[in-house]
Protein backbone atom coordinates (compact mmCIF):
# COMPACT_ATOMS: atom_id res chain seq x y z
CA MET A 1 115.01 75.80 14.81
CA THR A 2 113.36 78.59 16.69
CA ARG A 3 113.65 82.17 15.57
CA LEU A 4 114.14 83.89 18.88
CA ALA A 5 115.55 87.15 17.60
CA THR A 6 114.26 90.14 15.79
CA GLN A 7 115.99 91.67 12.83
CA SER A 8 118.27 94.61 13.19
CA PRO A 9 116.70 98.01 12.45
CA ALA A 10 118.34 98.24 9.02
CA ALA A 11 117.45 94.66 7.95
CA GLY A 12 114.02 95.44 6.55
CA ASN A 13 115.08 98.32 4.33
CA GLY A 14 115.72 96.39 1.12
CA PRO A 15 114.88 97.48 -2.41
CA GLY A 16 111.27 98.54 -2.80
CA ARG A 17 110.70 98.97 0.92
CA ALA A 18 110.08 102.40 2.35
CA SER A 19 112.00 103.28 5.48
CA ARG A 20 110.58 105.68 8.03
CA ARG A 21 114.01 106.36 9.45
CA THR A 22 117.58 105.62 8.56
CA ALA A 23 119.41 103.37 11.00
CA PHE A 24 123.17 103.30 11.15
CA CYS A 25 124.97 100.23 12.36
CA LEU A 26 128.34 101.25 13.68
CA THR A 27 129.90 97.80 13.83
CA ARG A 28 133.50 97.98 14.90
CA TYR A 29 136.00 95.18 14.86
CA TYR A 30 138.47 94.43 17.57
CA ASN A 31 141.57 92.52 16.69
CA ALA A 32 143.22 91.38 19.89
CA GLY A 33 144.41 87.94 18.86
CA ALA A 34 142.47 87.99 15.60
CA ALA A 35 144.01 86.21 12.64
CA SER A 36 142.43 88.48 10.05
CA GLU A 37 140.37 91.62 9.65
CA GLU A 38 138.10 89.98 7.07
CA PHE A 39 135.52 87.21 6.96
CA ASP A 40 135.09 85.64 3.51
CA GLY A 41 136.68 88.74 1.99
CA ILE A 42 134.30 91.11 3.83
CA PRO A 43 135.86 93.58 6.28
CA LEU A 44 134.63 92.74 9.78
CA SER A 45 133.30 96.28 10.17
CA GLU A 46 130.99 95.65 7.17
CA LEU A 47 129.94 92.09 7.99
CA PRO A 48 126.15 91.74 7.68
CA ILE A 49 124.60 90.54 10.94
CA ASP A 50 120.86 91.06 10.57
CA GLU A 51 119.31 88.09 12.36
CA VAL A 52 120.40 85.42 14.83
CA ILE A 53 118.54 82.11 14.99
CA TRP A 54 118.93 79.85 18.04
CA SER A 55 118.32 76.11 17.80
CA GLU A 56 116.50 74.54 20.76
CA GLU A 57 119.76 72.79 21.75
CA ARG A 58 121.84 75.99 21.70
CA ALA A 59 119.07 77.95 23.47
CA LYS A 60 119.00 75.34 26.24
CA HIS A 61 122.80 75.49 26.48
CA ILE A 62 122.91 79.22 27.24
CA ARG A 63 119.78 79.14 29.42
CA THR A 64 121.34 76.53 31.74
CA ARG A 65 124.89 77.87 32.19
CA VAL A 66 124.68 77.92 35.99
CA GLY A 67 123.89 74.20 36.07
CA LEU A 68 126.64 73.42 33.57
CA LYS A 69 129.39 75.79 34.70
CA GLY A 70 128.61 76.65 38.33
CA PRO A 71 127.36 79.63 40.32
CA ALA A 72 129.97 82.03 38.88
CA GLU A 73 127.99 81.98 35.61
CA ILE A 74 124.56 83.38 34.81
CA ASN A 75 121.85 81.84 32.68
CA ILE A 76 121.41 83.81 29.46
CA GLU A 77 118.22 84.10 27.48
CA PRO A 78 118.59 83.73 23.70
CA LEU A 79 116.81 87.07 23.25
CA TRP A 80 119.52 88.76 25.32
CA ALA A 81 122.28 87.18 23.24
CA SER A 82 120.51 88.19 20.04
CA GLU A 83 120.15 91.78 21.27
CA ALA A 84 123.89 91.87 21.95
CA ALA A 85 124.76 90.43 18.52
CA LEU A 86 122.43 92.93 16.82
CA ASP A 87 123.66 95.90 18.88
CA PRO A 88 124.48 98.74 16.45
CA ASN A 89 127.66 99.42 18.46
CA ARG A 90 128.79 95.81 18.62
CA LEU A 91 132.36 94.73 18.18
CA VAL A 92 133.22 91.85 15.85
CA ARG A 93 136.22 89.58 15.51
CA ARG A 94 136.98 86.28 13.88
CA GLY A 95 135.99 83.25 15.90
CA SER A 96 138.13 80.18 16.33
CA GLY A 97 136.40 78.35 13.47
CA ARG A 98 136.22 79.21 9.78
CA GLU A 99 132.49 79.89 9.96
CA SER A 100 132.25 81.79 13.24
CA VAL A 101 132.66 85.26 14.67
CA GLU A 102 132.69 86.58 18.22
CA VAL A 103 130.38 89.49 18.87
CA PRO A 104 130.53 91.52 22.08
CA GLY A 105 127.51 93.78 22.35
CA TYR A 106 125.12 95.30 24.82
CA SER A 107 121.80 93.66 25.69
CA PRO A 108 119.27 96.16 27.08
CA SER A 109 117.17 93.32 28.52
CA ALA A 110 120.12 91.78 30.36
CA ARG A 111 121.59 95.23 31.10
CA ARG A 112 125.02 93.76 30.38
CA VAL A 113 127.65 93.46 27.70
CA LEU A 114 127.58 89.87 26.44
CA LEU A 115 130.05 87.94 24.30
CA VAL A 116 128.11 85.97 21.69
CA TRP A 117 129.47 83.33 19.31
CA ILE A 118 127.58 83.09 16.04
CA TYR A 119 128.27 81.08 12.90
CA THR A 120 127.13 80.83 9.31
CA THR A 121 127.17 78.16 6.66
CA GLU A 122 126.63 80.68 3.86
CA HIS A 123 129.70 81.99 2.11
CA PRO A 124 129.73 84.91 1.82
CA PRO A 125 127.32 85.44 4.72
CA SER A 126 123.91 86.89 3.89
CA GLY A 127 123.21 88.36 7.33
CA VAL A 128 121.37 85.40 8.88
CA TRP A 129 123.50 83.69 11.55
CA GLN A 130 123.07 80.74 13.91
CA GLY A 131 123.55 81.29 17.63
CA GLY A 132 126.34 79.21 19.11
CA SER A 133 126.92 80.32 22.68
CA ALA A 134 126.99 83.38 24.91
CA ILE A 135 128.54 84.49 28.18
CA VAL A 136 128.79 87.70 30.17
CA ALA A 137 131.74 89.65 28.75
CA GLY A 138 134.80 89.82 30.94
CA ARG A 139 136.25 93.02 32.39
CA ARG A 140 138.69 93.73 29.53
CA LEU A 141 136.12 93.09 26.84
CA ARG A 142 133.56 95.29 28.60
CA ALA A 143 136.18 98.05 28.76
CA ALA A 144 136.95 97.64 25.04
CA TYR A 145 133.23 97.83 24.24
CA TRP A 146 132.55 100.95 26.33
CA GLU A 147 135.78 102.64 25.22
CA GLY A 148 134.47 103.03 21.66
CA GLN A 149 131.03 104.39 22.58
CA GLY A 150 130.52 107.78 21.00
CA ASP A 151 133.80 107.76 19.05
CA ASP A 152 132.26 106.44 15.83
CA GLN A 153 129.09 108.53 15.86
CA GLU A 154 128.32 110.61 12.81
CA ASP A 155 126.77 114.06 13.19
């Protein structure tokens, strides 16, 4: 396994650690087609996603999308996918499997909204997730992501 992602801004602020600034993660859930609004009894809006780890196999998979899927795709760097999954304004919904979630979020490095599939084997999840796959978000998902920008901000 290769740790290709950094932790979210709030991840290092555990007990006994001083924080220079308070970071708010405004995770929202979207429920179009979602079976539930919870993951292991945790509301999707409160689901801890603090780190994404990409295996070499999964990293190669997203880095070589053009060769696998054709020229309509783009190759995605694991760092980009991790940035999207750790985006403070990300959306979250249940994935197709018991252990996965879909996370649309913005990657500053890719300058795009990406849809990232992540999974956990810890129940309930601790905040460390495994990267599964990632693609450029489609038009409707990009619109859903940008629609919520600014609406959840606290003064």
